[in-house]
Amino acid sequence: MPRTRTGRAIGDIARQQARGEITTEQAAALTEALRDRQRQALYRAALDTAARPARPVQVRLIGTRADVAAVLVALDEVTTLTAVSDPRPARGDAGLVRVYATAARRFPLSGGGR
């Protein structure tokens, strides 16, 4: 099974620690730095993939009026709500409502793992 460059480097660090060339603390710090770099590269790749224009997502929310309203407010903070239906009674559940919303990602992307 092929290993990644980071995996080989972590193996080298473990062998250096076993030979006594570096301390346990140094090995842990080096390993954590390599894993952090690998994680950051993964985040950058995900953001590059997500930077393509995205289609709106249609969401159906079912719950009490207060819960649905809270989720809509949270969605509005992180996306752009382009359409929200009026609350309708949920099928079979007394007191619950269902709302349909269309959410589009705000563009350009901001924030991230950095």
PDB file of N, CA and C in Angstrom:
ATOM      1  N   MET A   1       0.838  -1.172   0.000  1.00  0.00           N
ATOM      2  CA  MET A   1       0.000   0.000   0.000  1.00  0.00           C
ATOM      3  C   MET A   1       0.889   1.244   0.000  1.00  0.00           C
ATOM      4  N   PRO A   2       0.718   2.155  -0.973  1.00  0.00           N
ATOM      5  CA  PRO A   2       1.564   3.344  -1.009  1.00  0.00           C
ATOM      6  C   PRO A   2       1.247   4.284   0.151  1.00  0.00           C
ATOM      7  N   ARG A   3       2.275   4.889   0.662  1.00  0.00           N
ATOM      8  CA  ARG A   3       2.113   5.827   1.759  1.00  0.00           C
ATOM      9  C   ARG A   3       2.324   7.231   1.250  1.00  0.00           C
ATOM     10  N   THR A   4       1.787   8.189   1.965  1.00  0.00           N
ATOM     11  CA  THR A   4       1.961   9.580   1.583  1.00  0.00           C
ATOM     12  C   THR A   4       3.327  10.060   2.039  1.00  0.00           C
ATOM     13  N   ARG A   5       3.729  11.195   1.503  1.00  0.00           N
ATOM     14  CA  ARG A   5       4.993  11.803   1.902  1.00  0.00           C
ATOM     15  C   ARG A   5       4.971  12.118   3.400  1.00  0.00           C
ATOM     16  N   THR A   6       3.823  12.586   3.875  1.00  0.00           N
ATOM     17  CA  THR A   6       3.695  12.901   5.303  1.00  0.00           C
ATOM     18  C   THR A   6       3.798  11.636   6.140  1.00  0.00           C
ATOM     19  N   GLY A   7       3.180  10.551   5.681  1.00  0.00           N
ATOM     20  CA  GLY A   7       3.266   9.285   6.408  1.00  0.00           C
ATOM     21  C   GLY A   7       4.687   8.765   6.498  1.00  0.00           C
ATOM     22  N   ARG A   8       5.435   8.892   5.407  1.00  0.00           N
ATOM     23  CA  ARG A   8       6.848   8.466   5.438  1.00  0.00           C
ATOM     24  C   ARG A   8       7.650   9.338   6.396  1.00  0.00           C
ATOM     25  N   ALA A   9       7.369  10.660   6.398  1.00  0.00           N
ATOM     26  CA  ALA A   9       8.095  11.562   7.298  1.00  0.00           C
ATOM     27  C   ALA A   9       7.783  11.238   8.758  1.00  0.00           C
ATOM     28  N   ILE A  10       6.533  10.910   9.055  1.00  0.00           N
ATOM     29  CA  ILE A  10       6.167  10.548  10.428  1.00  0.00           C
ATOM     30  C   ILE A  10       6.862   9.246  10.824  1.00  0.00           C
ATOM     31  N   GLY A  11       6.961   8.300   9.895  1.00  0.00           N
ATOM     32  CA  GLY A  11       7.700   7.061  10.171  1.00  0.00           C
ATOM     33  C   GLY A  11       9.164   7.326  10.442  1.00  0.00           C
ATOM     34  N   ASP A  12       9.769   8.249   9.688  1.00  0.00           N
ATOM     35  CA  ASP A  12      11.167   8.627   9.921  1.00  0.00           C
ATOM     36  C   ASP A  12      11.344   9.236  11.309  1.00  0.00           C
ATOM     37  N   ILE A  13      10.384  10.071  11.704  1.00  0.00           N
ATOM     38  CA  ILE A  13      10.455  10.690  13.038  1.00  0.00           C
ATOM     39  C   ILE A  13      10.373   9.611  14.114  1.00  0.00           C
ATOM     40  N   ALA A  14       9.488   8.637  13.946  1.00  0.00           N
ATOM     41  CA  ALA A  14       9.362   7.558  14.935  1.00  0.00           C
ATOM     42  C   ALA A  14      10.653   6.745  15.022  1.00  0.00           C
ATOM     43  N   ARG A  15      11.286   6.493  13.875  1.00  0.00           N
ATOM     44  CA  ARG A  15      12.552   5.741  13.897  1.00  0.00           C
ATOM     45  C   ARG A  15      13.658   6.551  14.573  1.00  0.00           C
ATOM     46  N   GLN A  16      13.705   7.865  14.326  1.00  0.00           N
ATOM     47  CA  GLN A  16      14.711   8.704  14.987  1.00  0.00           C
ATOM     48  C   GLN A  16      14.499   8.708  16.494  1.00  0.00           C
ATOM     49  N   GLN A  17      13.234   8.722  16.912  1.00  0.00           N
ATOM     50  CA  GLN A  17      12.949   8.687  18.346  1.00  0.00           C
ATOM     51  C   GLN A  17      13.375   7.346  18.935  1.00  0.00           C
ATOM     52  N   ALA A  18      13.117   6.257  18.224  1.00  0.00           N
ATOM     53  CA  ALA A  18      13.483   4.930  18.721  1.00  0.00           C
ATOM     54  C   ALA A  18      14.994   4.782  18.850  1.00  0.00           C
ATOM     55  N   ARG A  19      15.740   5.440  17.949  1.00  0.00           N
ATOM     56  CA  ARG A  19      17.209   5.376  18.012  1.00  0.00           C
ATOM     57  C   ARG A  19      17.769   6.341  19.052  1.00  0.00           C
ATOM     58  N   GLY A  20      16.926   7.192  19.611  1.00  0.00           N
ATOM     59  CA  GLY A  20      17.381   8.144  20.625  1.00  0.00           C
ATOM     60  C   GLY A  20      17.966   9.423  20.047  1.00  0.00           C
ATOM     61  N   GLU A  21      17.739   9.668  18.758  1.00  0.00           N
ATOM     62  CA  GLU A  21      18.285  10.871  18.128  1.00  0.00           C
ATOM     63  C   GLU A  21      17.473  12.115  18.491  1.00  0.00           C
ATOM     64  N   ILE A  22      16.191  11.934  18.787  1.00  0.00           N
ATOM     65  CA  ILE A  22      15.349  13.053  19.216  1.00  0.00           C
ATOM     66  C   ILE A  22      14.518  12.598  20.405  1.00  0.00           C
ATOM     67  N   THR A  23      14.059  13.556  21.195  1.00  0.00           N
ATOM     68  CA  THR A  23      13.274  13.225  22.386  1.00  0.00           C
ATOM     69  C   THR A  23      11.814  12.963  22.006  1.00  0.00           C
ATOM     70  N   THR A  24      11.068  12.439  22.950  1.00  0.00           N
ATOM     71  CA  THR A  24       9.639  12.175  22.735  1.00  0.00           C
ATOM     72  C   THR A  24       8.887  13.466  22.456  1.00  0.00           C
ATOM     73  N   GLU A  25       9.235  14.533  23.200  1.00  0.00           N
ATOM     74  CA  GLU A  25       8.559  15.816  23.001  1.00  0.00           C
ATOM     75  C   GLU A  25       8.847  16.384  21.609  1.00  0.00           C
ATOM     76  N   GLN A  26      10.100  16.269  21.170  1.00  0.00           N
ATOM     77  CA  GLN A  26      10.451  16.743  19.836  1.00  0.00           C
ATOM     78  C   GLN A  26       9.709  15.949  18.764  1.00  0.00           C
ATOM     79  N   ALA A  27       9.635  14.640  18.944  1.00  0.00           N
ATOM     80  CA  ALA A  27       8.929  13.792  17.984  1.00  0.00           C
ATOM     81  C   ALA A  27       7.453  14.161  17.924  1.00  0.00           C
ATOM     82  N   ALA A  28       6.856  14.393  19.088  1.00  0.00           N
ATOM     83  CA  ALA A  28       5.437  14.764  19.115  1.00  0.00           C
ATOM     84  C   ALA A  28       5.213  16.102  18.430  1.00  0.00           C
ATOM     85  N   ALA A  29       6.092  17.068  18.660  1.00  0.00           N
ATOM     86  CA  ALA A  29       5.952  18.389  18.042  1.00  0.00           C
ATOM     87  C   ALA A  29       6.119  18.318  16.533  1.00  0.00           C
ATOM     88  N   LEU A  30       7.116  17.551  16.080  1.00  0.00           N
ATOM     89  CA  LEU A  30       7.336  17.410  14.639  1.00  0.00           C
ATOM     90  C   LEU A  30       6.161  16.696  13.961  1.00  0.00           C
ATOM     91  N   THR A  31       5.664  15.646  14.597  1.00  0.00           N
ATOM     92  CA  THR A  31       4.535  14.899  14.048  1.00  0.00           C
ATOM     93  C   THR A  31       3.293  15.781  13.974  1.00  0.00           C
ATOM     94  N   GLU A  32       3.038  16.539  15.025  1.00  0.00           N
ATOM     95  CA  GLU A  32       1.870  17.435  15.037  1.00  0.00           C
ATOM     96  C   GLU A  32       1.992  18.506  13.955  1.00  0.00           C
ATOM     97  N   ALA A  33       3.191  19.029  13.752  1.00  0.00           N
ATOM     98  CA  ALA A  33       3.386  20.042  12.705  1.00  0.00           C
ATOM     99  C   ALA A  33       3.123  19.451  11.318  1.00  0.00           C
ATOM    100  N   LEU A  34       3.584  18.222  11.085  1.00  0.00           N
ATOM    101  CA  LEU A  34       3.333  17.577   9.799  1.00  0.00           C
ATOM    102  C   LEU A  34       1.848  17.318   9.585  1.00  0.00           C
ATOM    103  N   ARG A  35       1.180  16.833  10.620  1.00  0.00           N
ATOM    104  CA  ARG A  35      -0.264  16.570  10.491  1.00  0.00           C
ATOM    105  C   ARG A  35      -1.044  17.872  10.295  1.00  0.00           C
ATOM    106  N   ASP A  36      -0.608  18.943  10.951  1.00  0.00           N
ATOM    107  CA  ASP A  36      -1.275  20.235  10.783  1.00  0.00           C
ATOM    108  C   ASP A  36      -1.115  20.733   9.345  1.00  0.00           C
ATOM    109  N   ARG A  37       0.095  20.595   8.791  1.00  0.00           N
ATOM    110  CA  ARG A  37       0.312  20.997   7.391  1.00  0.00           C
ATOM    111  C   ARG A  37      -0.543  20.169   6.436  1.00  0.00           C
ATOM    112  N   GLN A  38      -0.640  18.875   6.708  1.00  0.00           N
ATOM    113  CA  GLN A  38      -1.459  18.003   5.870  1.00  0.00           C
ATOM    114  C   GLN A  38      -2.936  18.401   5.970  1.00  0.00           C
ATOM    115  N   ARG A  39      -3.401  18.726   7.178  1.00  0.00           N
ATOM    116  CA  ARG A  39      -4.782  19.160   7.385  1.00  0.00           C
ATOM    117  C   ARG A  39      -5.055  20.460   6.640  1.00  0.00           C
ATOM    118  N   GLN A  40      -4.109  21.408   6.702  1.00  0.00           N
ATOM    119  CA  GLN A  40      -4.281  22.689   6.012  1.00  0.00           C
ATOM    120  C   GLN A  40      -4.343  22.490   4.494  1.00  0.00           C
ATOM    121  N   ALA A  41      -3.531  21.579   3.975  1.00  0.00           N
ATOM    122  CA  ALA A  41      -3.572  21.291   2.540  1.00  0.00           C
ATOM    123  C   ALA A  41      -4.919  20.695   2.151  1.00  0.00           C
ATOM    124  N   LEU A  42      -5.474  19.852   3.005  1.00  0.00           N
ATOM    125  CA  LEU A  42      -6.784  19.275   2.748  1.00  0.00           C
ATOM    126  C   LEU A  42      -7.857  20.360   2.750  1.00  0.00           C
ATOM    127  N   TYR A  43      -7.783  21.300   3.711  1.00  0.00           N
ATOM    128  CA  TYR A  43      -8.752  22.399   3.768  1.00  0.00           C
ATOM    129  C   TYR A  43      -8.655  23.267   2.513  1.00  0.00           C
ATOM    130  N   ARG A  44      -7.423  23.579   2.095  1.00  0.00           N
ATOM    131  CA  ARG A  44      -7.259  24.406   0.888  1.00  0.00           C
ATOM    132  C   ARG A  44      -7.833  23.707  -0.337  1.00  0.00           C
ATOM    133  N   ALA A  45      -7.607  22.407  -0.449  1.00  0.00           N
ATOM    134  CA  ALA A  45      -8.152  21.658  -1.582  1.00  0.00           C
ATOM    135  C   ALA A  45      -9.674  21.658  -1.547  1.00  0.00           C
ATOM    136  N   ALA A  46     -10.246  21.516  -0.358  1.00  0.00           N
ATOM    137  CA  ALA A  46     -11.710  21.540  -0.242  1.00  0.00           C
ATOM    138  C   ALA A  46     -12.256  22.905  -0.619  1.00  0.00           C
ATOM    139  N   LEU A  47     -11.582  23.970  -0.203  1.00  0.00           N
ATOM    140  CA  LEU A  47     -12.042  25.316  -0.551  1.00  0.00           C
ATOM    141  C   LEU A  47     -11.909  25.574  -2.046  1.00  0.00           C
ATOM    142  N   ASP A  48     -10.844  25.073  -2.664  1.00  0.00           N
ATOM    143  CA  ASP A  48     -10.692  25.228  -4.108  1.00  0.00           C
ATOM    144  C   ASP A  48     -11.824  24.516  -4.845  1.00  0.00           C
ATOM    145  N   THR A  49     -12.195  23.342  -4.355  1.00  0.00           N
ATOM    146  CA  THR A  49     -13.284  22.602  -4.969  1.00  0.00           C
ATOM    147  C   THR A  49     -14.609  23.331  -4.753  1.00  0.00           C
ATOM    148  N   ALA A  50     -14.799  23.883  -3.559  1.00  0.00           N
ATOM    149  CA  ALA A  50     -16.050  24.555  -3.229  1.00  0.00           C
ATOM    150  C   ALA A  50     -16.165  25.925  -3.880  1.00  0.00           C
ATOM    151  N   ALA A  51     -15.076  26.456  -4.426  1.00  0.00           N
ATOM    152  CA  ALA A  51     -15.111  27.789  -5.014  1.00  0.00           C
ATOM    153  C   ALA A  51     -15.875  27.826  -6.332  1.00  0.00           C
ATOM    154  N   ARG A  52     -16.170  26.675  -6.885  1.00  0.00           N
ATOM    155  CA  ARG A  52     -16.961  26.635  -8.104  1.00  0.00           C
ATOM    156  C   ARG A  52     -18.376  27.123  -7.797  1.00  0.00           C
ATOM    157  N   PRO A  53     -19.031  27.743  -8.766  1.00  0.00           N
ATOM    158  CA  PRO A  53     -20.394  28.210  -8.517  1.00  0.00           C
ATOM    159  C   PRO A  53     -21.292  27.060  -8.064  1.00  0.00           C
ATOM    160  N   ALA A  54     -22.006  27.292  -6.999  1.00  0.00           N
ATOM    161  CA  ALA A  54     -22.867  26.255  -6.443  1.00  0.00           C
ATOM    162  C   ALA A  54     -24.329  26.561  -6.740  1.00  0.00           C
ATOM    163  N   ARG A  55     -25.091  25.518  -6.890  1.00  0.00           N
ATOM    164  CA  ARG A  55     -26.522  25.673  -7.108  1.00  0.00           C
ATOM    165  C   ARG A  55     -27.213  25.827  -5.750  1.00  0.00           C
ATOM    166  N   PRO A  56     -28.349  26.505  -5.743  1.00  0.00           N
ATOM    167  CA  PRO A  56     -29.084  26.638  -4.477  1.00  0.00           C
ATOM    168  C   PRO A  56     -29.538  25.273  -3.951  1.00  0.00           C
ATOM    169  N   VAL A  57     -29.702  25.208  -2.647  1.00  0.00           N
ATOM    170  CA  VAL A  57     -30.138  23.986  -1.990  1.00  0.00           C
ATOM    171  C   VAL A  57     -31.538  24.225  -1.439  1.00  0.00           C
ATOM    172  N   GLN A  58     -32.425  23.271  -1.661  1.00  0.00           N
ATOM    173  CA  GLN A  58     -33.765  23.373  -1.113  1.00  0.00           C
ATOM    174  C   GLN A  58     -33.831  22.551   0.163  1.00  0.00           C
ATOM    175  N   VAL A  59     -34.385  23.173   1.213  1.00  0.00           N
ATOM    176  CA  VAL A  59     -34.407  22.565   2.537  1.00  0.00           C
ATOM    177  C   VAL A  59     -35.845  22.529   3.031  1.00  0.00           C
ATOM    178  N   ARG A  60     -36.227  21.424   3.662  1.00  0.00           N
ATOM    179  CA  ARG A  60     -37.536  21.325   4.309  1.00  0.00           C
ATOM    180  C   ARG A  60     -37.291  21.248   5.808  1.00  0.00           C
ATOM    181  N   LEU A  61     -37.857  22.162   6.534  1.00  0.00           N
ATOM    182  CA  LEU A  61     -37.712  22.200   7.989  1.00  0.00           C
ATOM    183  C   LEU A  61     -39.041  21.805   8.620  1.00  0.00           C
ATOM    184  N   ILE A  62     -38.995  20.902   9.577  1.00  0.00           N
ATOM    185  CA  ILE A  62     -40.193  20.464  10.280  1.00  0.00           C
ATOM    186  C   ILE A  62     -39.923  20.588  11.770  1.00  0.00           C
ATOM    187  N   GLY A  63     -40.809  21.276  12.486  1.00  0.00           N
ATOM    188  CA  GLY A  63     -40.657  21.443  13.919  1.00  0.00           C
ATOM    189  C   GLY A  63     -41.657  22.455  14.438  1.00  0.00           C
ATOM    190  N   THR A  64     -41.465  22.856  15.674  1.00  0.00           N
ATOM    191  CA  THR A  64     -42.328  23.897  16.218  1.00  0.00           C
ATOM    192  C   THR A  64     -41.998  25.211  15.526  1.00  0.00           C
ATOM    193  N   ARG A  65     -42.919  26.157  15.585  1.00  0.00           N
ATOM    194  CA  ARG A  65     -42.682  27.450  14.938  1.00  0.00           C
ATOM    195  C   ARG A  65     -41.393  28.100  15.451  1.00  0.00           C
ATOM    196  N   ALA A  66     -41.168  28.034  16.758  1.00  0.00           N
ATOM    197  CA  ALA A  66     -39.983  28.670  17.346  1.00  0.00           C
ATOM    198  C   ALA A  66     -38.700  27.991  16.858  1.00  0.00           C
ATOM    199  N   ASP A  67     -38.693  26.657  16.808  1.00  0.00           N
ATOM    200  CA  ASP A  67     -37.500  25.934  16.359  1.00  0.00           C
ATOM    201  C   ASP A  67     -37.207  26.202  14.888  1.00  0.00           C
ATOM    202  N   VAL A  68     -38.241  26.191  14.067  1.00  0.00           N
ATOM    203  CA  VAL A  68     -38.056  26.451  12.643  1.00  0.00           C
ATOM    204  C   VAL A  68     -37.549  27.875  12.430  1.00  0.00           C
ATOM    205  N   ALA A  69     -38.110  28.822  13.181  1.00  0.00           N
ATOM    206  CA  ALA A  69     -37.664  30.215  13.061  1.00  0.00           C
ATOM    207  C   ALA A  69     -36.198  30.352  13.461  1.00  0.00           C
ATOM    208  N   ALA A  70     -35.787  29.654  14.517  1.00  0.00           N
ATOM    209  CA  ALA A  70     -34.389  29.724  14.963  1.00  0.00           C
ATOM    210  C   ALA A  70     -33.442  29.162  13.906  1.00  0.00           C
ATOM    211  N   VAL A  71     -33.831  28.063  13.275  1.00  0.00           N
ATOM    212  CA  VAL A  71     -32.983  27.476  12.233  1.00  0.00           C
ATOM    213  C   VAL A  71     -32.926  28.393  11.014  1.00  0.00           C
ATOM    214  N   LEU A  72     -34.052  29.019  10.665  1.00  0.00           N
ATOM    215  CA  LEU A  72     -34.048  29.945   9.533  1.00  0.00           C
ATOM    216  C   LEU A  72     -33.138  31.139   9.789  1.00  0.00           C
ATOM    217  N   VAL A  73     -33.141  31.651  11.015  1.00  0.00           N
ATOM    218  CA  VAL A  73     -32.251  32.762  11.359  1.00  0.00           C
ATOM    219  C   VAL A  73     -30.794  32.323  11.233  1.00  0.00           C
ATOM    220  N   ALA A  74     -30.479  31.120  11.728  1.00  0.00           N
ATOM    221  CA  ALA A  74     -29.101  30.615  11.625  1.00  0.00           C
ATOM    222  C   ALA A  74     -28.704  30.403  10.170  1.00  0.00           C
ATOM    223  N   LEU A  75     -29.612  29.860   9.365  1.00  0.00           N
ATOM    224  CA  LEU A  75     -29.320  29.670   7.942  1.00  0.00           C
ATOM    225  C   LEU A  75     -29.097  31.001   7.242  1.00  0.00           C
ATOM    226  N   ASP A  76     -29.881  31.994   7.621  1.00  0.00           N
ATOM    227  CA  ASP A  76     -29.746  33.306   6.989  1.00  0.00           C
ATOM    228  C   ASP A  76     -28.407  33.959   7.316  1.00  0.00           C
ATOM    229  N   GLU A  77     -27.823  33.611   8.459  1.00  0.00           N
ATOM    230  CA  GLU A  77     -26.523  34.171   8.829  1.00  0.00           C
ATOM    231  C   GLU A  77     -25.386  33.594   7.994  1.00  0.00           C
ATOM    232  N   VAL A  78     -25.512  32.345   7.560  1.00  0.00           N
ATOM    233  CA  VAL A  78     -24.412  31.701   6.843  1.00  0.00           C
ATOM    234  C   VAL A  78     -24.666  31.519   5.359  1.00  0.00           C
ATOM    235  N   THR A  79     -25.917  31.682   4.923  1.00  0.00           N
ATOM    236  CA  THR A  79     -26.257  31.563   3.507  1.00  0.00           C
ATOM    237  C   THR A  79     -27.156  32.728   3.124  1.00  0.00           C
ATOM    238  N   THR A  80     -27.533  32.756   1.869  1.00  0.00           N
ATOM    239  CA  THR A  80     -28.513  33.717   1.396  1.00  0.00           C
ATOM    240  C   THR A  80     -29.800  32.953   1.133  1.00  0.00           C
ATOM    241  N   LEU A  81     -30.844  33.269   1.899  1.00  0.00           N
ATOM    242  CA  LEU A  81     -32.128  32.622   1.690  1.00  0.00           C
ATOM    243  C   LEU A  81     -32.841  33.334   0.552  1.00  0.00           C
ATOM    244  N   THR A  82     -33.055  32.621  -0.539  1.00  0.00           N
ATOM    245  CA  THR A  82     -33.686  33.243  -1.699  1.00  0.00           C
ATOM    246  C   THR A  82     -35.192  33.045  -1.707  1.00  0.00           C
ATOM    247  N   ALA A  83     -35.700  32.060  -0.994  1.00  0.00           N
ATOM    248  CA  ALA A  83     -37.143  31.838  -0.914  1.00  0.00           C
ATOM    249  C   ALA A  83     -37.461  31.090   0.367  1.00  0.00           C
ATOM    250  N   VAL A  84     -38.538  31.514   1.029  1.00  0.00           N
ATOM    251  CA  VAL A  84     -39.019  30.845   2.233  1.00  0.00           C
ATOM    252  C   VAL A  84     -40.537  30.769   2.130  1.00  0.00           C
ATOM    253  N   SER A  85     -41.084  29.563   2.296  1.00  0.00           N
ATOM    254  CA  SER A  85     -42.534  29.402   2.191  1.00  0.00           C
ATOM    255  C   SER A  85     -43.203  29.800   3.500  1.00  0.00           C
ATOM    256  N   ASP A  86     -44.506  29.952   3.449  1.00  0.00           N
ATOM    257  CA  ASP A  86     -45.281  30.176   4.669  1.00  0.00           C
ATOM    258  C   ASP A  86     -45.325  28.876   5.457  1.00  0.00           C
ATOM    259  N   PRO A  87     -45.412  28.954   6.791  1.00  0.00           N
ATOM    260  CA  PRO A  87     -45.514  27.726   7.590  1.00  0.00           C
ATOM    261  C   PRO A  87     -46.833  27.004   7.287  1.00  0.00           C
ATOM    262  N   ARG A  88     -46.736  25.696   7.108  1.00  0.00           N
ATOM    263  CA  ARG A  88     -47.915  24.855   6.878  1.00  0.00           C
ATOM    264  C   ARG A  88     -47.917  23.767   7.941  1.00  0.00           C
ATOM    265  N   PRO A  89     -49.077  23.292   8.323  1.00  0.00           N
ATOM    266  CA  PRO A  89     -49.114  22.214   9.324  1.00  0.00           C
ATOM    267  C   PRO A  89     -48.393  20.971   8.800  1.00  0.00           C
ATOM    268  N   ALA A  90     -47.618  20.349   9.662  1.00  0.00           N
ATOM    269  CA  ALA A  90     -46.919  19.113   9.293  1.00  0.00           C
ATOM    270  C   ALA A  90     -47.919  17.964   9.296  1.00  0.00           C
ATOM    271  N   ARG A  91     -47.715  17.033   8.418  1.00  0.00           N
ATOM    272  CA  ARG A  91     -48.640  15.901   8.311  1.00  0.00           C
ATOM    273  C   ARG A  91     -48.520  14.989   9.528  1.00  0.00           C
ATOM    274  N   GLY A  92     -49.634  14.732  10.159  1.00  0.00           N
ATOM    275  CA  GLY A  92     -49.669  13.752  11.240  1.00  0.00           C
ATOM    276  C   GLY A  92     -49.217  14.233  12.601  1.00  0.00           C
ATOM    277  N   ASP A  93     -48.511  15.356  12.690  1.00  0.00           N
ATOM    278  CA  ASP A  93     -48.024  15.825  13.987  1.00  0.00           C
ATOM    279  C   ASP A  93     -48.732  17.118  14.365  1.00  0.00           C
ATOM    280  N   ALA A  94     -49.443  17.083  15.460  1.00  0.00           N
ATOM    281  CA  ALA A  94     -50.158  18.271  15.915  1.00  0.00           C
ATOM    282  C   ALA A  94     -49.164  19.272  16.496  1.00  0.00           C
ATOM    283  N   GLY A  95     -49.304  20.525  16.111  1.00  0.00           N
ATOM    284  CA  GLY A  95     -48.448  21.568  16.657  1.00  0.00           C
ATOM    285  C   GLY A  95     -47.157  21.800  15.889  1.00  0.00           C
ATOM    286  N   LEU A  96     -46.821  20.924  14.966  1.00  0.00           N
ATOM    287  CA  LEU A  96     -45.603  21.102  14.186  1.00  0.00           C
ATOM    288  C   LEU A  96     -45.936  21.729  12.839  1.00  0.00           C
ATOM    289  N   VAL A  97     -44.983  22.482  12.327  1.00  0.00           N
ATOM    290  CA  VAL A  97     -45.154  23.104  11.015  1.00  0.00           C
ATOM    291  C   VAL A  97     -44.014  22.669  10.114  1.00  0.00           C
ATOM    292  N   ARG A  98     -44.224  22.854   8.806  1.00  0.00           N
ATOM    293  CA  ARG A  98     -43.142  22.598   7.856  1.00  0.00           C
ATOM    294  C   ARG A  98     -42.968  23.847   7.006  1.00  0.00           C
ATOM    295  N   VAL A  99     -41.719  24.148   6.730  1.00  0.00           N
ATOM    296  CA  VAL A  99     -41.360  25.322   5.931  1.00  0.00           C
ATOM    297  C   VAL A  99     -40.329  24.871   4.905  1.00  0.00           C
ATOM    298  N   TYR A 100     -40.502  25.332   3.680  1.00  0.00           N
ATOM    299  CA  TYR A 100     -39.550  25.045   2.616  1.00  0.00           C
ATOM    300  C   TYR A 100     -38.726  26.305   2.364  1.00  0.00           C
ATOM    301  N   ALA A 101     -37.423  26.154   2.280  1.00  0.00           N
ATOM    302  CA  ALA A 101     -36.538  27.299   2.052  1.00  0.00           C
ATOM    303  C   ALA A 101     -35.526  26.941   0.970  1.00  0.00           C
ATOM    304  N   THR A 102     -35.115  27.947   0.217  1.00  0.00           N
ATOM    305  CA  THR A 102     -34.062  27.785  -0.779  1.00  0.00           C
ATOM    306  C   THR A 102     -32.882  28.629  -0.328  1.00  0.00           C
ATOM    307  N   ALA A 103     -31.739  27.983  -0.131  1.00  0.00           N
ATOM    308  CA  ALA A 103     -30.549  28.655   0.368  1.00  0.00           C
ATOM    309  C   ALA A 103     -29.441  28.586  -0.675  1.00  0.00           C
ATOM    310  N   ALA A 104     -28.784  29.712  -0.878  1.00  0.00           N
ATOM    311  CA  ALA A 104     -27.648  29.772  -1.803  1.00  0.00           C
ATOM    312  C   ALA A 104     -26.422  30.217  -1.016  1.00  0.00           C
ATOM    313  N   ARG A 105     -25.282  29.642  -1.368  1.00  0.00           N
ATOM    314  CA  ARG A 105     -24.035  29.993  -0.682  1.00  0.00           C
ATOM    315  C   ARG A 105     -23.635  31.415  -1.046  1.00  0.00           C
ATOM    316  N   ARG A 106     -23.176  32.130  -0.058  1.00  0.00           N
ATOM    317  CA  ARG A 106     -22.658  33.472  -0.323  1.00  0.00           C
ATOM    318  C   ARG A 106     -21.348  33.345  -1.062  1.00  0.00           C
ATOM    319  N   PHE A 107     -21.129  34.178  -2.046  1.00  0.00           N
ATOM    320  CA  PHE A 107     -19.930  34.090  -2.851  1.00  0.00           C
ATOM    321  C   PHE A 107     -19.288  35.446  -2.881  1.00  0.00           C
ATOM    322  N   PRO A 108     -18.020  35.629  -2.757  1.00  0.00           N
ATOM    323  CA  PRO A 108     -17.012  34.582  -2.650  1.00  0.00           C
ATOM    324  C   PRO A 108     -16.965  34.011  -1.239  1.00  0.00           C
ATOM    325  N   LEU A 109     -16.354  32.854  -1.137  1.00  0.00           N
ATOM    326  CA  LEU A 109     -16.203  32.229   0.166  1.00  0.00           C
ATOM    327  C   LEU A 109     -15.316  33.086   1.051  1.00  0.00           C
ATOM    328  N   SER A 110     -15.642  33.106   2.319  1.00  0.00           N
ATOM    329  CA  SER A 110     -14.794  33.839   3.261  1.00  0.00           C
ATOM    330  C   SER A 110     -14.546  32.943   4.450  1.00  0.00           C
ATOM    331  N   GLY A 111     -13.497  33.232   5.178  1.00  0.00           N
ATOM    332  CA  GLY A 111     -13.158  32.430   6.333  1.00  0.00           C
ATOM    333  C   GLY A 111     -12.382  31.199   5.922  1.00  0.00           C
ATOM    334  N   GLY A 112     -12.417  30.176   6.727  1.00  0.00           N
ATOM    335  CA  GLY A 112     -11.727  28.942   6.412  1.00  0.00           C
ATOM    336  C   GLY A 112     -10.871  28.486   7.562  1.00  0.00           C
ATOM    337  N   GLY A 113     -10.025  27.534   7.301  1.00  0.00           N
ATOM    338  CA  GLY A 113      -9.233  26.917   8.347  1.00  0.00           C
ATOM    339  C   GLY A 113      -7.962  27.656   8.711  1.00  0.00           C
ATOM    340  N   ARG A 114      -7.697  28.775   8.083  1.00  0.00           N
ATOM    341  CA  ARG A 114      -6.439  29.459   8.368  1.00  0.00           C
ATOM    342  C   ARG A 114      -6.532  30.341   9.558  1.00  0.00           C
TER     343      ARG A 114
END
